[in-house]
Amino acid sequence: MRIVIADDSVLLREGLGRLLVEAGHEPVAAVGDGNELIHAVKTHAPDLALVDIRMPPTFTHEGAVAATEVRRRWPSIGILLLSQVIEGRYALELARSHPQGFGYLLKDHILDVSVLADAIATVAAGGTVLDPDVVAQFLGRRTTRDRVEALTAREHDILAAMAEGRSNRAIANRFSLTEKTVETHIGSILTKLNLVPEPDDHRRVLAVRAWLDQSANRP
C-alpha cells in the first residue's frame, strides 16, 4: 500500500516510515506541514495519508484542515489521523460527515505496531477506526449541543451574554431584569447543562464553552 506520512517531527516520520516498510507498505513521501501534504498527495496519488493533526505554523489543527482538503479533492484516499490530543472541530466534523475510509487514533494509545497496522488495513478497506476517547468526546459534544438547544429563548440570551463576559448586573440591565432573576436563570442553565458543582471547575466557564461549541457547530 502506498502511504504519505505527514508529521512535523522528523524522528517520528522516519520511525513511522520504517514501521510501514516492515509491515509491507510503501511510504511514498514524508512531509512536515499541511501544504506539503496536499502537494504530496497530488504528486504521488497514495492509497492512504497518515496525518498528525498538529503541524506548523500554529501547531493547532493544520493537519486536520489539510486532511479535510485531501478528502474533498481525493475522496477515495484513506485518512488516518494521529494526535497527542483530541482536536475538537475539524477532525470530529470529518469523522461525522465522512466516516468511510477514516481513522483517528491518539498516539499514546498506539501501544504496539499491530494496533497501527490494523488501523491502516481497516481504513484502506473503507472502514472507520476511532479511538475510544475520540468516540467519548464526539458523543459528549452531541449531548451538550442537545442540552444547549433545550434552553429557553431567555436562557439562550443570558448564556450568550455570559459568553460576552457580562456580569450578572450587566445582564440584568440589558434585559431589564433584577439580578435575582438573572441568578435564577443562570441556575436553571447550569442545571439543564448538567453542570453540577465541582471543586476544580468553574461552572460558568463550562456553560460558556458549551454555548460556544454549539454555536461553532451550528449549520
N, C-alpha and C. Protein backbone atom coordinates (compact mmCIF):
# COMPACT_ATOMS: atom_id res chain seq x y z
N MET A 1 0.83 -1.19 0.00
CA MET A 1 0.00 0.00 0.00
C MET A 1 0.88 1.25 0.00
N ARG A 2 0.52 2.23 -0.83
CA ARG A 2 1.28 3.47 -0.95
C ARG A 2 0.75 4.48 0.08
N ILE A 3 1.66 5.00 0.92
CA ILE A 3 1.24 5.84 2.03
C ILE A 3 2.08 7.12 2.09
N VAL A 4 1.40 8.24 2.32
CA VAL A 4 2.07 9.51 2.60
C VAL A 4 2.02 9.75 4.10
N ILE A 5 3.16 10.14 4.67
CA ILE A 5 3.26 10.45 6.10
C ILE A 5 3.39 11.95 6.26
N ALA A 6 2.55 12.53 7.13
CA ALA A 6 2.64 13.97 7.41
C ALA A 6 2.76 14.18 8.90
N ASP A 7 3.93 14.64 9.34
CA ASP A 7 4.18 14.90 10.76
C ASP A 7 5.33 15.89 10.85
N ASP A 8 5.23 16.86 11.76
CA ASP A 8 6.29 17.86 11.85
C ASP A 8 7.57 17.31 12.46
N SER A 9 7.50 16.17 13.16
CA SER A 9 8.68 15.57 13.77
C SER A 9 9.42 14.69 12.78
N VAL A 10 10.66 15.05 12.48
CA VAL A 10 11.46 14.25 11.55
C VAL A 10 11.67 12.85 12.11
N LEU A 11 11.95 12.75 13.41
CA LEU A 11 12.19 11.43 14.01
C LEU A 11 10.95 10.55 13.90
N LEU A 12 9.79 11.12 14.13
CA LEU A 12 8.56 10.32 14.06
C LEU A 12 8.28 9.92 12.62
N ARG A 13 8.52 10.82 11.68
CA ARG A 13 8.32 10.48 10.27
C ARG A 13 9.21 9.30 9.88
N GLU A 14 10.46 9.37 10.29
CA GLU A 14 11.39 8.28 9.94
C GLU A 14 10.99 6.98 10.63
N GLY A 15 10.58 7.09 11.90
CA GLY A 15 10.16 5.90 12.61
C GLY A 15 8.93 5.26 12.00
N LEU A 16 7.95 6.07 11.65
CA LEU A 16 6.75 5.54 11.01
C LEU A 16 7.10 4.92 9.66
N GLY A 17 8.01 5.56 8.94
CA GLY A 17 8.41 5.04 7.64
C GLY A 17 9.00 3.64 7.76
N ARG A 18 9.87 3.43 8.74
CA ARG A 18 10.48 2.11 8.94
C ARG A 18 9.43 1.07 9.33
N LEU A 19 8.50 1.48 10.20
CA LEU A 19 7.45 0.56 10.61
C LEU A 19 6.56 0.15 9.43
N LEU A 20 6.27 1.11 8.58
CA LEU A 20 5.42 0.82 7.42
C LEU A 20 6.12 -0.13 6.45
N VAL A 21 7.41 0.09 6.24
CA VAL A 21 8.17 -0.80 5.34
C VAL A 21 8.19 -2.21 5.91
N GLU A 22 8.41 -2.33 7.22
CA GLU A 22 8.43 -3.65 7.85
C GLU A 22 7.08 -4.35 7.73
N ALA A 23 6.00 -3.54 7.68
CA ALA A 23 4.66 -4.11 7.57
C ALA A 23 4.27 -4.38 6.12
N GLY A 24 5.19 -4.11 5.19
CA GLY A 24 4.91 -4.40 3.79
C GLY A 24 4.32 -3.26 3.00
N HIS A 25 4.33 -2.05 3.56
CA HIS A 25 3.78 -0.90 2.85
C HIS A 25 4.89 -0.08 2.21
N GLU A 26 4.50 0.87 1.37
CA GLU A 26 5.46 1.72 0.65
C GLU A 26 5.24 3.18 1.00
N PRO A 27 6.06 3.76 1.88
CA PRO A 27 5.95 5.20 2.15
C PRO A 27 6.47 5.97 0.93
N VAL A 28 5.59 6.68 0.27
CA VAL A 28 5.98 7.37 -0.96
C VAL A 28 6.42 8.81 -0.71
N ALA A 29 6.09 9.36 0.47
CA ALA A 29 6.51 10.71 0.82
C ALA A 29 6.36 10.90 2.32
N ALA A 30 7.25 11.74 2.90
CA ALA A 30 7.17 12.10 4.31
C ALA A 30 7.35 13.60 4.40
N VAL A 31 6.32 14.30 4.87
CA VAL A 31 6.31 15.76 4.83
C VAL A 31 6.03 16.32 6.23
N GLY A 32 6.23 17.66 6.37
CA GLY A 32 6.16 18.26 7.69
C GLY A 32 5.08 19.28 7.93
N ASP A 33 4.24 19.59 6.91
CA ASP A 33 3.14 20.52 7.15
C ASP A 33 1.99 20.24 6.20
N GLY A 34 0.89 20.96 6.41
CA GLY A 34 -0.33 20.70 5.65
C GLY A 34 -0.20 20.96 4.17
N ASN A 35 0.46 22.05 3.79
CA ASN A 35 0.62 22.35 2.36
C ASN A 35 1.44 21.28 1.66
N GLU A 36 2.50 20.81 2.34
CA GLU A 36 3.31 19.74 1.75
C GLU A 36 2.51 18.45 1.63
N LEU A 37 1.61 18.22 2.57
CA LEU A 37 0.76 17.02 2.50
C LEU A 37 -0.09 17.05 1.24
N ILE A 38 -0.75 18.16 1.00
CA ILE A 38 -1.61 18.26 -0.17
C ILE A 38 -0.80 18.10 -1.45
N HIS A 39 0.39 18.71 -1.49
CA HIS A 39 1.26 18.58 -2.67
C HIS A 39 1.71 17.13 -2.86
N ALA A 40 2.04 16.45 -1.76
CA ALA A 40 2.49 15.06 -1.85
C ALA A 40 1.38 14.15 -2.34
N VAL A 41 0.16 14.38 -1.86
CA VAL A 41 -0.97 13.57 -2.30
C VAL A 41 -1.22 13.79 -3.79
N LYS A 42 -1.15 15.03 -4.22
CA LYS A 42 -1.35 15.35 -5.64
C LYS A 42 -0.27 14.70 -6.51
N THR A 43 0.96 14.69 -5.99
CA THR A 43 2.09 14.17 -6.78
C THR A 43 2.14 12.65 -6.81
N HIS A 44 1.88 12.01 -5.68
CA HIS A 44 2.12 10.57 -5.56
C HIS A 44 0.86 9.70 -5.62
N ALA A 45 -0.32 10.32 -5.51
CA ALA A 45 -1.57 9.57 -5.54
C ALA A 45 -1.53 8.33 -4.65
N PRO A 46 -1.35 8.51 -3.34
CA PRO A 46 -1.25 7.37 -2.42
C PRO A 46 -2.60 6.71 -2.17
N ASP A 47 -2.55 5.57 -1.53
CA ASP A 47 -3.79 4.90 -1.12
C ASP A 47 -4.29 5.45 0.21
N LEU A 48 -3.34 5.97 1.02
CA LEU A 48 -3.69 6.42 2.36
C LEU A 48 -2.73 7.52 2.80
N ALA A 49 -3.26 8.46 3.60
CA ALA A 49 -2.44 9.51 4.19
C ALA A 49 -2.47 9.35 5.71
N LEU A 50 -1.29 9.29 6.31
CA LEU A 50 -1.13 9.17 7.75
C LEU A 50 -0.75 10.56 8.26
N VAL A 51 -1.65 11.21 9.00
CA VAL A 51 -1.52 12.65 9.24
C VAL A 51 -1.55 13.00 10.73
N ASP A 52 -0.53 13.75 11.15
CA ASP A 52 -0.54 14.33 12.50
C ASP A 52 -1.41 15.57 12.47
N ILE A 53 -2.26 15.74 13.47
CA ILE A 53 -3.19 16.87 13.47
C ILE A 53 -2.48 18.20 13.70
N ARG A 54 -1.53 18.23 14.62
CA ARG A 54 -0.87 19.48 14.98
C ARG A 54 0.44 19.63 14.22
N MET A 55 0.44 20.59 13.29
CA MET A 55 1.63 20.85 12.48
C MET A 55 1.83 22.35 12.34
N PRO A 56 2.97 22.78 11.78
CA PRO A 56 3.24 24.22 11.61
C PRO A 56 2.17 24.86 10.71
N PRO A 57 1.92 26.18 10.86
CA PRO A 57 2.72 27.09 11.69
C PRO A 57 2.22 27.26 13.13
N THR A 58 0.96 26.97 13.42
CA THR A 58 0.44 27.25 14.76
C THR A 58 0.38 26.01 15.65
N PHE A 59 0.56 24.84 15.07
CA PHE A 59 0.52 23.58 15.83
C PHE A 59 -0.81 23.42 16.58
N THR A 60 -1.90 23.74 15.89
CA THR A 60 -3.23 23.55 16.47
C THR A 60 -4.00 22.48 15.70
N HIS A 61 -4.46 22.82 14.48
CA HIS A 61 -5.27 21.85 13.73
C HIS A 61 -4.94 21.84 12.23
N GLU A 62 -3.72 22.29 11.89
CA GLU A 62 -3.37 22.36 10.46
C GLU A 62 -3.49 21.01 9.76
N GLY A 63 -3.09 19.95 10.46
CA GLY A 63 -3.16 18.62 9.85
C GLY A 63 -4.59 18.21 9.57
N ALA A 64 -5.50 18.49 10.50
CA ALA A 64 -6.90 18.15 10.30
C ALA A 64 -7.50 18.96 9.16
N VAL A 65 -7.13 20.23 9.06
CA VAL A 65 -7.62 21.07 7.96
C VAL A 65 -7.12 20.53 6.62
N ALA A 66 -5.84 20.18 6.56
CA ALA A 66 -5.27 19.63 5.32
C ALA A 66 -5.94 18.30 4.97
N ALA A 67 -6.20 17.47 5.99
CA ALA A 67 -6.86 16.19 5.75
C ALA A 67 -8.26 16.40 5.20
N THR A 68 -8.95 17.42 5.69
CA THR A 68 -10.28 17.75 5.17
C THR A 68 -10.20 18.13 3.69
N GLU A 69 -9.17 18.89 3.33
CA GLU A 69 -8.99 19.28 1.93
C GLU A 69 -8.64 18.07 1.07
N VAL A 70 -7.79 17.17 1.59
CA VAL A 70 -7.47 15.94 0.86
C VAL A 70 -8.73 15.13 0.61
N ARG A 71 -9.57 14.99 1.63
CA ARG A 71 -10.80 14.21 1.48
C ARG A 71 -11.73 14.86 0.46
N ARG A 72 -11.78 16.19 0.44
CA ARG A 72 -12.63 16.89 -0.52
C ARG A 72 -12.15 16.69 -1.95
N ARG A 73 -10.83 16.76 -2.15
CA ARG A 73 -10.30 16.69 -3.51
C ARG A 73 -10.07 15.27 -3.99
N TRP A 74 -9.74 14.37 -3.07
CA TRP A 74 -9.47 12.98 -3.43
C TRP A 74 -10.22 12.05 -2.48
N PRO A 75 -11.52 11.93 -2.64
CA PRO A 75 -12.35 11.21 -1.65
C PRO A 75 -12.03 9.73 -1.51
N SER A 76 -11.33 9.14 -2.46
CA SER A 76 -11.04 7.71 -2.38
C SER A 76 -9.82 7.40 -1.51
N ILE A 77 -9.04 8.42 -1.15
CA ILE A 77 -7.83 8.20 -0.36
C ILE A 77 -8.19 8.04 1.12
N GLY A 78 -7.68 6.99 1.75
CA GLY A 78 -7.91 6.79 3.17
C GLY A 78 -7.19 7.84 4.00
N ILE A 79 -7.81 8.26 5.10
CA ILE A 79 -7.23 9.25 6.01
C ILE A 79 -7.13 8.64 7.40
N LEU A 80 -5.91 8.60 7.95
CA LEU A 80 -5.73 8.15 9.32
C LEU A 80 -5.02 9.26 10.09
N LEU A 81 -5.77 9.90 10.99
CA LEU A 81 -5.23 10.98 11.80
C LEU A 81 -4.59 10.43 13.06
N LEU A 82 -3.46 11.01 13.44
CA LEU A 82 -2.78 10.68 14.69
C LEU A 82 -2.58 11.97 15.48
N SER A 83 -2.77 11.91 16.79
CA SER A 83 -2.62 13.12 17.58
C SER A 83 -2.31 12.79 19.03
N GLN A 84 -1.69 13.75 19.71
CA GLN A 84 -1.49 13.63 21.15
C GLN A 84 -2.75 14.01 21.91
N VAL A 85 -3.58 14.87 21.30
CA VAL A 85 -4.79 15.36 21.95
C VAL A 85 -5.96 15.28 20.97
N ILE A 86 -7.16 15.45 21.50
CA ILE A 86 -8.35 15.43 20.65
C ILE A 86 -8.60 16.82 20.10
N GLU A 87 -8.61 16.95 18.79
CA GLU A 87 -8.91 18.21 18.12
C GLU A 87 -10.42 18.30 17.95
N GLY A 88 -11.02 19.39 18.44
CA GLY A 88 -12.45 19.40 18.61
C GLY A 88 -13.30 19.91 17.47
N ARG A 89 -12.73 20.38 16.38
CA ARG A 89 -13.59 20.94 15.34
C ARG A 89 -13.47 20.18 14.03
N TYR A 90 -12.34 20.33 13.35
CA TYR A 90 -12.21 19.78 12.01
C TYR A 90 -12.19 18.24 12.01
N ALA A 91 -11.42 17.66 12.92
CA ALA A 91 -11.29 16.21 12.92
C ALA A 91 -12.61 15.52 13.25
N LEU A 92 -13.32 16.02 14.26
CA LEU A 92 -14.59 15.40 14.62
C LEU A 92 -15.65 15.63 13.56
N GLU A 93 -15.60 16.77 12.89
CA GLU A 93 -16.54 17.01 11.80
C GLU A 93 -16.25 16.07 10.63
N LEU A 94 -14.96 15.83 10.38
CA LEU A 94 -14.58 14.90 9.33
C LEU A 94 -15.05 13.49 9.67
N ALA A 95 -14.92 13.11 10.93
CA ALA A 95 -15.39 11.80 11.36
C ALA A 95 -16.89 11.67 11.22
N ARG A 96 -17.61 12.75 11.46
CA ARG A 96 -19.07 12.72 11.40
C ARG A 96 -19.58 12.70 9.96
N SER A 97 -18.98 13.53 9.10
CA SER A 97 -19.51 13.70 7.75
C SER A 97 -18.91 12.76 6.72
N HIS A 98 -17.68 12.25 6.97
CA HIS A 98 -17.02 11.36 6.01
C HIS A 98 -16.38 10.18 6.74
N PRO A 99 -17.18 9.30 7.33
CA PRO A 99 -16.60 8.22 8.15
C PRO A 99 -15.95 7.10 7.35
N GLN A 100 -16.29 6.96 6.06
CA GLN A 100 -15.72 5.86 5.28
C GLN A 100 -14.24 6.11 5.01
N GLY A 101 -13.43 5.08 5.23
CA GLY A 101 -12.01 5.22 4.97
C GLY A 101 -11.36 6.27 5.83
N PHE A 102 -11.77 6.30 7.10
CA PHE A 102 -11.28 7.34 8.01
C PHE A 102 -10.92 6.73 9.36
N GLY A 103 -9.82 7.22 9.93
CA GLY A 103 -9.41 6.78 11.26
C GLY A 103 -8.85 7.94 12.06
N TYR A 104 -8.98 7.84 13.38
CA TYR A 104 -8.49 8.89 14.27
C TYR A 104 -8.03 8.20 15.55
N LEU A 105 -6.71 8.15 15.75
CA LEU A 105 -6.13 7.49 16.91
C LEU A 105 -5.27 8.47 17.71
N LEU A 106 -5.29 8.31 19.02
CA LEU A 106 -4.39 9.07 19.88
C LEU A 106 -3.06 8.34 19.96
N LYS A 107 -1.97 9.07 19.80
CA LYS A 107 -0.64 8.46 19.73
C LYS A 107 -0.33 7.65 20.98
N ASP A 108 -0.75 8.16 22.13
CA ASP A 108 -0.44 7.48 23.38
C ASP A 108 -1.12 6.12 23.50
N HIS A 109 -2.16 5.89 22.68
CA HIS A 109 -2.91 4.64 22.76
C HIS A 109 -2.43 3.61 21.75
N ILE A 110 -1.44 3.97 20.93
CA ILE A 110 -0.87 3.01 19.99
C ILE A 110 0.25 2.28 20.73
N LEU A 111 -0.12 1.19 21.38
CA LEU A 111 0.81 0.51 22.27
C LEU A 111 1.78 -0.41 21.53
N ASP A 112 1.41 -0.87 20.35
CA ASP A 112 2.33 -1.69 19.56
C ASP A 112 2.02 -1.51 18.08
N VAL A 113 2.89 -2.05 17.25
CA VAL A 113 2.78 -1.87 15.80
C VAL A 113 1.49 -2.48 15.26
N SER A 114 1.01 -3.54 15.89
CA SER A 114 -0.18 -4.22 15.37
C SER A 114 -1.41 -3.31 15.40
N VAL A 115 -1.49 -2.42 16.42
CA VAL A 115 -2.63 -1.51 16.50
C VAL A 115 -2.64 -0.58 15.29
N LEU A 116 -1.47 -0.03 14.96
CA LEU A 116 -1.37 0.86 13.81
C LEU A 116 -1.61 0.09 12.51
N ALA A 117 -1.04 -1.11 12.40
CA ALA A 117 -1.21 -1.91 11.19
C ALA A 117 -2.67 -2.28 10.96
N ASP A 118 -3.36 -2.65 12.02
CA ASP A 118 -4.78 -3.00 11.90
C ASP A 118 -5.60 -1.78 11.48
N ALA A 119 -5.26 -0.61 12.06
CA ALA A 119 -5.99 0.61 11.73
C ALA A 119 -5.79 0.97 10.26
N ILE A 120 -4.56 0.86 9.77
CA ILE A 120 -4.27 1.16 8.37
C ILE A 120 -5.06 0.23 7.45
N ALA A 121 -5.09 -1.05 7.78
CA ALA A 121 -5.80 -2.01 6.96
C ALA A 121 -7.29 -1.71 6.93
N THR A 122 -7.85 -1.37 8.07
CA THR A 122 -9.29 -1.08 8.14
C THR A 122 -9.65 0.17 7.34
N VAL A 123 -8.87 1.22 7.52
CA VAL A 123 -9.14 2.48 6.82
C VAL A 123 -8.97 2.30 5.31
N ALA A 124 -7.92 1.59 4.91
CA ALA A 124 -7.68 1.37 3.48
C ALA A 124 -8.80 0.57 2.83
N ALA A 125 -9.47 -0.26 3.62
CA ALA A 125 -10.57 -1.06 3.10
C ALA A 125 -11.90 -0.31 3.12
N GLY A 126 -11.86 0.97 3.52
CA GLY A 126 -13.07 1.78 3.54
C GLY A 126 -13.77 1.81 4.88
N GLY A 127 -13.16 1.21 5.90
CA GLY A 127 -13.76 1.18 7.23
C GLY A 127 -13.43 2.41 8.05
N THR A 128 -13.90 2.41 9.30
CA THR A 128 -13.69 3.52 10.21
C THR A 128 -13.04 3.02 11.49
N VAL A 129 -12.01 3.74 11.95
CA VAL A 129 -11.34 3.41 13.20
C VAL A 129 -11.29 4.66 14.05
N LEU A 130 -11.90 4.62 15.23
CA LEU A 130 -11.89 5.77 16.14
C LEU A 130 -11.40 5.34 17.52
N ASP A 131 -10.48 6.11 18.05
CA ASP A 131 -10.01 5.88 19.41
C ASP A 131 -11.19 6.01 20.38
N PRO A 132 -11.27 5.16 21.40
CA PRO A 132 -12.39 5.25 22.35
C PRO A 132 -12.57 6.63 22.96
N ASP A 133 -11.46 7.33 23.24
CA ASP A 133 -11.57 8.68 23.81
C ASP A 133 -12.15 9.66 22.80
N VAL A 134 -11.87 9.45 21.52
CA VAL A 134 -12.44 10.29 20.48
C VAL A 134 -13.95 10.06 20.41
N VAL A 135 -14.37 8.81 20.49
CA VAL A 135 -15.80 8.49 20.47
C VAL A 135 -16.50 9.16 21.65
N ALA A 136 -15.89 9.08 22.84
CA ALA A 136 -16.49 9.68 24.03
C ALA A 136 -16.61 11.20 23.87
N GLN A 137 -15.59 11.82 23.29
CA GLN A 137 -15.62 13.26 23.07
C GLN A 137 -16.71 13.63 22.08
N PHE A 138 -16.82 12.87 21.00
CA PHE A 138 -17.80 13.14 19.96
C PHE A 138 -19.21 13.02 20.52
N LEU A 139 -19.48 11.94 21.24
CA LEU A 139 -20.81 11.74 21.82
C LEU A 139 -21.10 12.81 22.87
N GLY A 140 -20.08 13.19 23.62
CA GLY A 140 -20.27 14.23 24.63
C GLY A 140 -20.65 15.55 24.02
N ARG A 141 -20.03 15.88 22.87
CA ARG A 141 -20.36 17.14 22.20
C ARG A 141 -21.80 17.13 21.70
N ARG A 142 -22.25 16.00 21.17
CA ARG A 142 -23.63 15.92 20.69
C ARG A 142 -24.60 16.08 21.86
N THR A 143 -24.27 15.45 23.01
CA THR A 143 -25.13 15.56 24.17
C THR A 143 -25.19 17.00 24.66
N THR A 144 -24.04 17.66 24.73
CA THR A 144 -24.00 19.04 25.16
C THR A 144 -24.80 19.93 24.23
N ARG A 145 -24.67 19.72 22.92
CA ARG A 145 -25.41 20.53 21.96
C ARG A 145 -26.91 20.36 22.15
N ASP A 146 -27.35 19.12 22.38
CA ASP A 146 -28.77 18.88 22.62
C ASP A 146 -29.25 19.63 23.86
N ARG A 147 -28.41 19.65 24.90
CA ARG A 147 -28.79 20.34 26.13
C ARG A 147 -28.89 21.84 25.91
N VAL A 148 -27.94 22.41 25.17
CA VAL A 148 -27.98 23.84 24.89
C VAL A 148 -29.23 24.18 24.09
N GLU A 149 -29.57 23.34 23.11
CA GLU A 149 -30.75 23.60 22.29
C GLU A 149 -32.04 23.49 23.08
N ALA A 150 -31.99 22.83 24.24
CA ALA A 150 -33.18 22.67 25.08
C ALA A 150 -33.44 23.89 25.96
N LEU A 151 -32.51 24.85 26.00
CA LEU A 151 -32.70 26.06 26.81
C LEU A 151 -33.81 26.92 26.22
N THR A 152 -34.46 27.70 27.08
CA THR A 152 -35.48 28.63 26.61
C THR A 152 -34.81 29.79 25.87
N ALA A 153 -35.62 30.59 25.17
CA ALA A 153 -35.08 31.73 24.43
C ALA A 153 -34.38 32.70 25.38
N ARG A 154 -34.99 32.95 26.54
CA ARG A 154 -34.38 33.86 27.50
C ARG A 154 -33.06 33.29 28.03
N GLU A 155 -33.05 31.99 28.30
CA GLU A 155 -31.82 31.36 28.78
C GLU A 155 -30.73 31.42 27.72
N HIS A 156 -31.09 31.26 26.45
CA HIS A 156 -30.12 31.41 25.36
C HIS A 156 -29.53 32.82 25.38
N ASP A 157 -30.40 33.82 25.54
CA ASP A 157 -29.93 35.21 25.55
C ASP A 157 -28.95 35.45 26.70
N ILE A 158 -29.29 34.93 27.86
CA ILE A 158 -28.44 35.15 29.03
C ILE A 158 -27.12 34.40 28.88
N LEU A 159 -27.17 33.19 28.35
CA LEU A 159 -25.93 32.43 28.14
C LEU A 159 -25.04 33.12 27.12
N ALA A 160 -25.65 33.70 26.07
CA ALA A 160 -24.87 34.44 25.08
C ALA A 160 -24.21 35.66 25.72
N ALA A 161 -24.93 36.33 26.62
CA ALA A 161 -24.35 37.48 27.32
C ALA A 161 -23.22 37.03 28.24
N MET A 162 -23.39 35.88 28.88
CA MET A 162 -22.31 35.33 29.70
C MET A 162 -21.07 35.09 28.85
N ALA A 163 -21.28 34.60 27.61
CA ALA A 163 -20.16 34.33 26.71
C ALA A 163 -19.44 35.62 26.32
N GLU A 164 -20.15 36.75 26.39
CA GLU A 164 -19.52 38.05 26.12
C GLU A 164 -18.75 38.57 27.33
N GLY A 165 -18.82 37.83 28.44
CA GLY A 165 -18.11 38.24 29.65
C GLY A 165 -18.90 39.20 30.53
N ARG A 166 -20.23 39.31 30.30
CA ARG A 166 -21.05 40.23 31.07
C ARG A 166 -21.27 39.73 32.50
N SER A 167 -21.28 40.65 33.44
CA SER A 167 -21.59 40.31 34.83
C SER A 167 -23.10 40.14 34.98
N ASN A 168 -23.51 39.60 36.13
CA ASN A 168 -24.94 39.44 36.37
C ASN A 168 -25.65 40.79 36.33
N ARG A 169 -25.02 41.83 36.89
CA ARG A 169 -25.63 43.16 36.88
C ARG A 169 -25.79 43.68 35.46
N ALA A 170 -24.75 43.50 34.64
CA ALA A 170 -24.83 43.96 33.25
C ALA A 170 -25.91 43.21 32.48
N ILE A 171 -26.01 41.92 32.74
CA ILE A 171 -27.04 41.12 32.07
C ILE A 171 -28.43 41.58 32.50
N ALA A 172 -28.58 41.87 33.80
CA ALA A 172 -29.87 42.35 34.32
C ALA A 172 -30.25 43.67 33.65
N ASN A 173 -29.28 44.58 33.51
CA ASN A 173 -29.57 45.86 32.88
C ASN A 173 -29.92 45.70 31.41
N ARG A 174 -29.24 44.80 30.72
CA ARG A 174 -29.51 44.62 29.29
C ARG A 174 -30.93 44.14 29.05
N PHE A 175 -31.40 43.20 29.88
CA PHE A 175 -32.71 42.58 29.63
C PHE A 175 -33.79 43.10 30.58
N SER A 176 -33.50 44.19 31.30
CA SER A 176 -34.48 44.79 32.21
C SER A 176 -35.00 43.78 33.22
N LEU A 177 -34.06 43.06 33.85
CA LEU A 177 -34.39 42.07 34.86
C LEU A 177 -33.72 42.46 36.17
N THR A 178 -34.15 41.84 37.24
CA THR A 178 -33.44 42.00 38.51
C THR A 178 -32.26 41.03 38.53
N GLU A 179 -31.25 41.37 39.33
CA GLU A 179 -30.11 40.46 39.44
C GLU A 179 -30.54 39.11 40.00
N LYS A 180 -31.53 39.13 40.89
CA LYS A 180 -32.03 37.87 41.44
C LYS A 180 -32.63 37.00 40.34
N THR A 181 -33.36 37.61 39.41
CA THR A 181 -33.94 36.85 38.31
C THR A 181 -32.85 36.28 37.40
N VAL A 182 -31.80 37.08 37.16
CA VAL A 182 -30.68 36.60 36.35
C VAL A 182 -30.02 35.41 37.03
N GLU A 183 -29.82 35.50 38.34
CA GLU A 183 -29.23 34.38 39.08
C GLU A 183 -30.09 33.13 38.96
N THR A 184 -31.40 33.30 38.98
CA THR A 184 -32.31 32.16 38.84
C THR A 184 -32.18 31.53 37.46
N HIS A 185 -32.11 32.38 36.43
CA HIS A 185 -31.95 31.87 35.07
C HIS A 185 -30.62 31.13 34.92
N ILE A 186 -29.56 31.70 35.48
CA ILE A 186 -28.24 31.06 35.37
C ILE A 186 -28.25 29.72 36.09
N GLY A 187 -28.90 29.66 37.25
CA GLY A 187 -29.02 28.39 37.95
C GLY A 187 -29.75 27.36 37.11
N SER A 188 -30.80 27.78 36.41
CA SER A 188 -31.54 26.88 35.53
C SER A 188 -30.67 26.41 34.37
N ILE A 189 -29.87 27.33 33.81
CA ILE A 189 -28.97 26.98 32.70
C ILE A 189 -27.97 25.93 33.14
N LEU A 190 -27.35 26.14 34.29
CA LEU A 190 -26.35 25.20 34.78
C LEU A 190 -26.97 23.84 35.05
N THR A 191 -28.19 23.83 35.56
CA THR A 191 -28.87 22.56 35.83
C THR A 191 -29.18 21.83 34.52
N LYS A 192 -29.71 22.57 33.53
CA LYS A 192 -30.06 21.94 32.25
C LYS A 192 -28.84 21.42 31.50
N LEU A 193 -27.69 22.08 31.71
CA LEU A 193 -26.46 21.63 31.06
C LEU A 193 -25.76 20.54 31.87
N ASN A 194 -26.40 20.15 32.96
CA ASN A 194 -25.88 19.08 33.82
C ASN A 194 -24.51 19.43 34.38
N LEU A 195 -24.32 20.70 34.73
CA LEU A 195 -23.05 21.17 35.28
C LEU A 195 -23.18 21.25 36.80
N VAL A 196 -22.96 20.12 37.43
CA VAL A 196 -23.05 20.06 38.89
C VAL A 196 -21.81 20.69 39.49
N PRO A 197 -21.90 21.18 40.73
CA PRO A 197 -20.72 21.81 41.36
C PRO A 197 -19.54 20.86 41.44
N GLU A 198 -18.37 21.36 41.00
CA GLU A 198 -17.13 20.59 41.07
C GLU A 198 -16.05 21.48 41.65
N PRO A 199 -15.19 20.92 42.52
CA PRO A 199 -14.17 21.76 43.17
C PRO A 199 -13.15 22.35 42.21
N ASP A 200 -12.90 21.69 41.08
CA ASP A 200 -11.84 22.15 40.18
C ASP A 200 -12.36 22.82 38.91
N ASP A 201 -13.67 22.96 38.78
CA ASP A 201 -14.24 23.52 37.55
C ASP A 201 -15.08 24.76 37.87
N HIS A 202 -15.01 25.73 37.01
CA HIS A 202 -15.86 26.90 37.12
C HIS A 202 -17.06 26.67 36.22
N ARG A 203 -18.23 26.48 36.82
CA ARG A 203 -19.40 26.08 36.04
C ARG A 203 -19.82 27.15 35.05
N ARG A 204 -19.62 28.37 35.38
CA ARG A 204 -19.98 29.46 34.46
C ARG A 204 -19.13 29.37 33.20
N VAL A 205 -17.84 29.11 33.37
CA VAL A 205 -16.94 28.96 32.21
C VAL A 205 -17.34 27.75 31.38
N LEU A 206 -17.66 26.65 32.04
CA LEU A 206 -18.07 25.44 31.31
C LEU A 206 -19.36 25.67 30.54
N ALA A 207 -20.28 26.45 31.11
CA ALA A 207 -21.53 26.76 30.41
C ALA A 207 -21.25 27.57 29.15
N VAL A 208 -20.34 28.54 29.26
CA VAL A 208 -19.98 29.35 28.09
C VAL A 208 -19.32 28.49 27.03
N ARG A 209 -18.45 27.58 27.46
CA ARG A 209 -17.81 26.67 26.49
C ARG A 209 -18.85 25.83 25.77
N ALA A 210 -19.86 25.36 26.49
CA ALA A 210 -20.92 24.58 25.85
C ALA A 210 -21.64 25.41 24.81
N TRP A 211 -21.91 26.68 25.13
CA TRP A 211 -22.60 27.56 24.17
C TRP A 211 -21.72 27.82 22.95
N LEU A 212 -20.42 28.03 23.17
CA LEU A 212 -19.51 28.27 22.05
C LEU A 212 -19.40 27.04 21.16
N ASP A 213 -19.34 25.84 21.76
CA ASP A 213 -19.28 24.61 20.97
C ASP A 213 -20.53 24.46 20.12
N GLN A 214 -21.68 24.75 20.72
CA GLN A 214 -22.95 24.63 20.00
C GLN A 214 -23.01 25.63 18.86
N SER A 215 -22.54 26.85 19.12
CA SER A 215 -22.56 27.89 18.08
C SER A 215 -21.61 27.55 16.94
N ALA A 216 -20.43 27.00 17.28
CA ALA A 216 -19.43 26.67 16.26
C ALA A 216 -19.93 25.56 15.35
N ASN A 217 -20.76 24.65 15.88
CA ASN A 217 -21.23 23.51 15.10
C ASN A 217 -22.61 23.73 14.51
N ARG A 218 -23.16 24.94 14.68
CA ARG A 218 -24.49 25.22 14.15
C ARG A 218 -24.41 25.31 12.63
N PRO A 219 -25.30 24.64 11.90
CA PRO A 219 -25.28 24.70 10.43
C PRO A 219 -25.44 26.12 9.92
